[in-house]
Amino acid sequence: MAEGQEKLVKTTVYLEEELLEALDEYAEKYSKETGQKWSRGAVIRLALSEFFSRQGRIL
């Protein structure tokens, strides 16, 4: 594991189809913008990080 990377734990989340489509769109968008492959999971982690940050909880 690379330095600074935290261990990921597999989990199951049930989402509406529209959310999956949006996650795929953003993963593709971020992949084009950064030149790095983004997955649905990466977009979810980014969104959760932003959410908790706005709540004053830095993870």
N, C-alpha and C. Protein backbone atom coordinates (compact mmCIF):
# COMPACT_ATOMS: atom_id res chain seq x y z
N MET A 1 0.86 -1.18 0.00
CA MET A 1 0.00 0.00 0.00
C MET A 1 0.90 1.24 0.00
N ALA A 2 0.56 2.23 -0.81
CA ALA A 2 1.35 3.45 -0.91
C ALA A 2 1.25 4.25 0.38
N GLU A 3 2.34 4.97 0.66
CA GLU A 3 2.35 5.81 1.86
C GLU A 3 1.26 6.87 1.77
N GLY A 4 0.55 7.09 2.86
CA GLY A 4 -0.52 8.09 2.88
C GLY A 4 -1.87 7.54 2.44
N GLN A 5 -1.89 6.31 1.95
CA GLN A 5 -3.16 5.70 1.54
C GLN A 5 -3.72 4.88 2.68
N GLU A 6 -5.01 5.04 2.93
CA GLU A 6 -5.65 4.27 3.98
C GLU A 6 -6.22 2.99 3.39
N LYS A 7 -6.34 1.97 4.22
CA LYS A 7 -6.91 0.70 3.80
C LYS A 7 -8.40 0.87 3.53
N LEU A 8 -8.86 0.37 2.43
CA LEU A 8 -10.28 0.42 2.10
C LEU A 8 -10.96 -0.84 2.60
N VAL A 9 -12.18 -0.70 3.07
CA VAL A 9 -12.97 -1.82 3.56
C VAL A 9 -14.16 -1.99 2.64
N LYS A 10 -14.34 -3.19 2.12
CA LYS A 10 -15.45 -3.46 1.20
C LYS A 10 -16.78 -3.37 1.95
N THR A 11 -17.74 -2.71 1.32
CA THR A 11 -19.08 -2.57 1.90
C THR A 11 -20.10 -2.60 0.77
N THR A 12 -21.33 -2.82 1.12
CA THR A 12 -22.40 -2.85 0.14
C THR A 12 -23.34 -1.67 0.40
N VAL A 13 -23.67 -0.96 -0.66
CA VAL A 13 -24.58 0.17 -0.58
C VAL A 13 -25.61 0.00 -1.69
N TYR A 14 -26.86 0.17 -1.38
CA TYR A 14 -27.92 0.07 -2.37
C TYR A 14 -28.31 1.47 -2.82
N LEU A 15 -28.21 1.72 -4.13
CA LEU A 15 -28.48 3.04 -4.67
C LEU A 15 -29.47 2.95 -5.82
N GLU A 16 -30.17 4.06 -6.05
CA GLU A 16 -31.09 4.13 -7.19
C GLU A 16 -30.29 4.16 -8.49
N GLU A 17 -30.90 3.68 -9.54
CA GLU A 17 -30.23 3.62 -10.84
C GLU A 17 -29.75 4.99 -11.30
N GLU A 18 -30.54 6.04 -11.02
CA GLU A 18 -30.15 7.39 -11.43
C GLU A 18 -28.84 7.81 -10.76
N LEU A 19 -28.66 7.41 -9.50
CA LEU A 19 -27.41 7.73 -8.80
C LEU A 19 -26.23 7.00 -9.42
N LEU A 20 -26.44 5.76 -9.82
CA LEU A 20 -25.36 5.01 -10.46
C LEU A 20 -24.95 5.67 -11.76
N GLU A 21 -25.93 6.14 -12.52
CA GLU A 21 -25.64 6.82 -13.78
C GLU A 21 -24.85 8.11 -13.52
N ALA A 22 -25.25 8.85 -12.49
CA ALA A 22 -24.54 10.09 -12.15
C ALA A 22 -23.11 9.78 -11.69
N LEU A 23 -22.94 8.73 -10.91
CA LEU A 23 -21.60 8.35 -10.46
C LEU A 23 -20.71 8.00 -11.65
N ASP A 24 -21.27 7.28 -12.61
CA ASP A 24 -20.50 6.93 -13.81
C ASP A 24 -20.12 8.18 -14.60
N GLU A 25 -21.06 9.12 -14.71
CA GLU A 25 -20.78 10.37 -15.43
C GLU A 25 -19.65 11.14 -14.76
N TYR A 26 -19.71 11.27 -13.44
CA TYR A 26 -18.67 12.01 -12.73
C TYR A 26 -17.34 11.28 -12.75
N ALA A 27 -17.36 9.96 -12.67
CA ALA A 27 -16.12 9.19 -12.76
C ALA A 27 -15.46 9.43 -14.12
N GLU A 28 -16.25 9.44 -15.17
CA GLU A 28 -15.71 9.70 -16.51
C GLU A 28 -15.18 11.14 -16.60
N LYS A 29 -15.94 12.08 -16.06
CA LYS A 29 -15.53 13.49 -16.08
C LYS A 29 -14.20 13.68 -15.35
N TYR A 30 -14.09 13.15 -14.13
CA TYR A 30 -12.87 13.29 -13.35
C TYR A 30 -11.70 12.56 -14.01
N SER A 31 -11.98 11.43 -14.65
CA SER A 31 -10.93 10.70 -15.35
C SER A 31 -10.35 11.55 -16.48
N LYS A 32 -11.21 12.22 -17.24
CA LYS A 32 -10.75 13.09 -18.32
C LYS A 32 -9.98 14.29 -17.78
N GLU A 33 -10.48 14.89 -16.70
CA GLU A 33 -9.86 16.09 -16.13
C GLU A 33 -8.50 15.80 -15.51
N THR A 34 -8.36 14.66 -14.87
CA THR A 34 -7.13 14.36 -14.12
C THR A 34 -6.16 13.46 -14.88
N GLY A 35 -6.65 12.76 -15.88
CA GLY A 35 -5.80 11.82 -16.59
C GLY A 35 -5.58 10.53 -15.80
N GLN A 36 -6.32 10.37 -14.71
CA GLN A 36 -6.26 9.16 -13.89
C GLN A 36 -7.63 8.50 -13.87
N LYS A 37 -7.64 7.18 -13.78
CA LYS A 37 -8.90 6.43 -13.78
C LYS A 37 -9.65 6.66 -12.47
N TRP A 38 -10.90 7.10 -12.58
CA TRP A 38 -11.78 7.26 -11.43
C TRP A 38 -12.88 6.21 -11.52
N SER A 39 -13.23 5.63 -10.39
CA SER A 39 -14.30 4.63 -10.32
C SER A 39 -15.50 5.22 -9.59
N ARG A 40 -16.59 4.48 -9.61
CA ARG A 40 -17.77 4.89 -8.82
C ARG A 40 -17.39 5.04 -7.36
N GLY A 41 -16.65 4.07 -6.86
CA GLY A 41 -16.24 4.08 -5.45
C GLY A 41 -15.42 5.30 -5.10
N ALA A 42 -14.53 5.71 -6.00
CA ALA A 42 -13.71 6.89 -5.76
C ALA A 42 -14.58 8.14 -5.70
N VAL A 43 -15.58 8.22 -6.56
CA VAL A 43 -16.48 9.37 -6.56
C VAL A 43 -17.30 9.38 -5.27
N ILE A 44 -17.75 8.24 -4.82
CA ILE A 44 -18.50 8.14 -3.57
C ILE A 44 -17.62 8.59 -2.40
N ARG A 45 -16.36 8.12 -2.36
CA ARG A 45 -15.46 8.51 -1.27
C ARG A 45 -15.23 10.02 -1.28
N LEU A 46 -15.07 10.61 -2.46
CA LEU A 46 -14.89 12.06 -2.57
C LEU A 46 -16.13 12.79 -2.06
N ALA A 47 -17.32 12.33 -2.47
CA ALA A 47 -18.57 12.97 -2.05
C ALA A 47 -18.75 12.87 -0.54
N LEU A 48 -18.46 11.72 0.04
CA LEU A 48 -18.59 11.56 1.49
C LEU A 48 -17.58 12.42 2.23
N SER A 49 -16.38 12.51 1.71
CA SER A 49 -15.36 13.35 2.32
C SER A 49 -15.80 14.81 2.32
N GLU A 50 -16.36 15.27 1.20
CA GLU A 50 -16.87 16.64 1.11
C GLU A 50 -18.02 16.86 2.11
N PHE A 51 -18.93 15.89 2.18
CA PHE A 51 -20.06 15.99 3.09
C PHE A 51 -19.60 16.13 4.54
N PHE A 52 -18.71 15.24 4.97
CA PHE A 52 -18.25 15.27 6.35
C PHE A 52 -17.43 16.53 6.63
N SER A 53 -16.68 16.97 5.66
CA SER A 53 -15.91 18.19 5.81
C SER A 53 -16.83 19.38 6.06
N ARG A 54 -17.93 19.45 5.33
CA ARG A 54 -18.91 20.53 5.52
C ARG A 54 -19.59 20.44 6.88
N GLN A 55 -19.65 19.26 7.44
CA GLN A 55 -20.25 19.08 8.76
C GLN A 55 -19.25 19.36 9.87
N GLY A 56 -18.03 19.74 9.49
CA GLY A 56 -17.00 20.04 10.48
C GLY A 56 -16.22 18.84 10.94
N ARG A 57 -16.40 17.73 10.28
CA ARG A 57 -15.68 16.52 10.65
C ARG A 57 -14.67 16.19 9.57
N ILE A 58 -13.43 16.42 9.84
CA ILE A 58 -12.36 16.15 8.88
C ILE A 58 -11.92 14.70 9.06
N LEU A 59 -12.01 13.94 8.00
CA LEU A 59 -11.62 12.52 8.08
C LEU A 59 -10.27 12.31 7.45
